[in-house]
Amino acid sequence: SETIDGEIVTIQQAAKFLKVHPNTIRNLISRQQLKAERIGSRIIRINKADLLAMFTPYQGGEFGQWS
């Protein structure tokens, strides 16, 4: 399992932690489903607490239900 150190992470670190493509993280940010902060014109950082808050408990069932 991947771990992330520190309070803020890069898009690449967040993607590696969640085992998704970095574009998935960018899409979540652009849809405002994941908070991120911009430093200057290009640098984007994500608070680790906001990344962990993305997780939603999965409740089984034939198709599953997300709360």
C-alpha atoms as a PDB file:
ATOM      1  CA  SER A   1       0.000   0.000   0.000  1.00  0.00           C
ATOM      2  CA  GLU A   2       1.270   3.439  -0.912  1.00  0.00           C
ATOM      3  CA  THR A   3       1.774   5.990   1.822  1.00  0.00           C
ATOM      4  CA  ILE A   4       2.002   9.736   1.595  1.00  0.00           C
ATOM      5  CA  ASP A   5       4.119  11.784   3.944  1.00  0.00           C
ATOM      6  CA  GLY A   6       3.503  15.383   4.931  1.00  0.00           C
ATOM      7  CA  GLU A   7       0.400  17.502   4.952  1.00  0.00           C
ATOM      8  CA  ILE A   8       0.375  18.492   1.262  1.00  0.00           C
ATOM      9  CA  VAL A   9       0.912  16.321  -1.799  1.00  0.00           C
ATOM     10  CA  THR A  10       1.373  16.750  -5.543  1.00  0.00           C
ATOM     11  CA  ILE A  11      -1.064  15.533  -8.182  1.00  0.00           C
ATOM     12  CA  GLN A  12       1.344  12.687  -8.982  1.00  0.00           C
ATOM     13  CA  GLN A  13       1.599  11.633  -5.320  1.00  0.00           C
ATOM     14  CA  ALA A  14      -2.188  11.738  -4.934  1.00  0.00           C
ATOM     15  CA  ALA A  15      -2.650   9.649  -8.092  1.00  0.00           C
ATOM     16  CA  LYS A  16      -0.098   7.073  -6.975  1.00  0.00           C
ATOM     17  CA  PHE A  17      -1.720   6.848  -3.534  1.00  0.00           C
ATOM     18  CA  LEU A  18      -5.195   6.286  -5.013  1.00  0.00           C
ATOM     19  CA  LYS A  19      -3.791   4.095  -7.816  1.00  0.00           C
ATOM     20  CA  VAL A  20      -5.389   6.231 -10.523  1.00  0.00           C
ATOM     21  CA  HIS A  21      -4.048   8.253 -13.458  1.00  0.00           C
ATOM     22  CA  PRO A  22      -2.967  11.843 -12.660  1.00  0.00           C
ATOM     23  CA  ASN A  23      -5.644  13.049 -15.099  1.00  0.00           C
ATOM     24  CA  THR A  24      -8.260  11.503 -12.795  1.00  0.00           C
ATOM     25  CA  ILE A  25      -6.998  13.751  -9.985  1.00  0.00           C
ATOM     26  CA  ARG A  26      -7.021  16.763 -12.337  1.00  0.00           C
ATOM     27  CA  ASN A  27     -10.621  15.938 -13.342  1.00  0.00           C
ATOM     28  CA  LEU A  28     -11.717  15.691  -9.705  1.00  0.00           C
ATOM     29  CA  ILE A  29     -10.144  19.092  -9.065  1.00  0.00           C
ATOM     30  CA  SER A  30     -11.733  20.695 -12.139  1.00  0.00           C
ATOM     31  CA  ARG A  31     -15.168  19.293 -11.151  1.00  0.00           C
ATOM     32  CA  GLN A  32     -14.580  20.720  -7.656  1.00  0.00           C
ATOM     33  CA  GLN A  33     -14.887  17.274  -6.089  1.00  0.00           C
ATOM     34  CA  LEU A  34     -11.372  17.590  -4.658  1.00  0.00           C
ATOM     35  CA  LYS A  35     -10.013  20.785  -3.148  1.00  0.00           C
ATOM     36  CA  ALA A  36      -6.587  21.935  -4.288  1.00  0.00           C
ATOM     37  CA  GLU A  37      -4.464  25.040  -3.902  1.00  0.00           C
ATOM     38  CA  ARG A  38      -2.520  26.765  -6.645  1.00  0.00           C
ATOM     39  CA  ILE A  39       0.934  28.159  -5.905  1.00  0.00           C
ATOM     40  CA  GLY A  40       1.939  30.584  -8.636  1.00  0.00           C
ATOM     41  CA  SER A  41       0.671  29.897 -12.136  1.00  0.00           C
ATOM     42  CA  ARG A  42       1.423  26.168 -12.445  1.00  0.00           C
ATOM     43  CA  ILE A  43       2.061  24.458  -9.116  1.00  0.00           C
ATOM     44  CA  ILE A  44      -0.942  22.637  -7.636  1.00  0.00           C
ATOM     45  CA  ARG A  45      -0.931  21.031  -4.202  1.00  0.00           C
ATOM     46  CA  ILE A  46      -3.558  18.961  -2.409  1.00  0.00           C
ATOM     47  CA  ASN A  47      -4.085  18.795   1.328  1.00  0.00           C
ATOM     48  CA  LYS A  48      -3.758  15.188   2.484  1.00  0.00           C
ATOM     49  CA  ALA A  49      -6.847  15.508   4.680  1.00  0.00           C
ATOM     50  CA  ASP A  50      -8.920  16.553   1.637  1.00  0.00           C
ATOM     51  CA  LEU A  51      -7.596  13.570  -0.304  1.00  0.00           C
ATOM     52  CA  LEU A  52      -8.501  11.141   2.483  1.00  0.00           C
ATOM     53  CA  ALA A  53     -11.950  12.771   2.797  1.00  0.00           C
ATOM     54  CA  MET A  54     -12.684  11.574  -0.765  1.00  0.00           C
ATOM     55  CA  PHE A  55     -13.282   8.042   0.506  1.00  0.00           C
ATOM     56  CA  THR A  56     -16.930   6.996   0.837  1.00  0.00           C
ATOM     57  CA  PRO A  57     -17.977   3.813   2.637  1.00  0.00           C
ATOM     58  CA  TYR A  58     -19.086   1.084   0.210  1.00  0.00           C
ATOM     59  CA  GLN A  59     -22.188  -0.867   1.153  1.00  0.00           C
ATOM     60  CA  GLY A  60     -22.516  -4.173  -0.681  1.00  0.00           C
ATOM     61  CA  GLY A  61     -25.442  -5.386  -2.680  1.00  0.00           C
ATOM     62  CA  GLU A  62     -25.885  -6.576  -6.228  1.00  0.00           C
ATOM     63  CA  PHE A  63     -24.786  -3.271  -7.720  1.00  0.00           C
ATOM     64  CA  GLY A  64     -23.511  -1.708  -4.521  1.00  0.00           C
ATOM     65  CA  GLN A  65     -24.791   1.448  -2.928  1.00  0.00           C
ATOM     66  CA  TRP A  66     -22.755   4.517  -2.172  1.00  0.00           C
ATOM     67  CA  SER A  67     -23.812   6.607   0.770  1.00  0.00           C
END
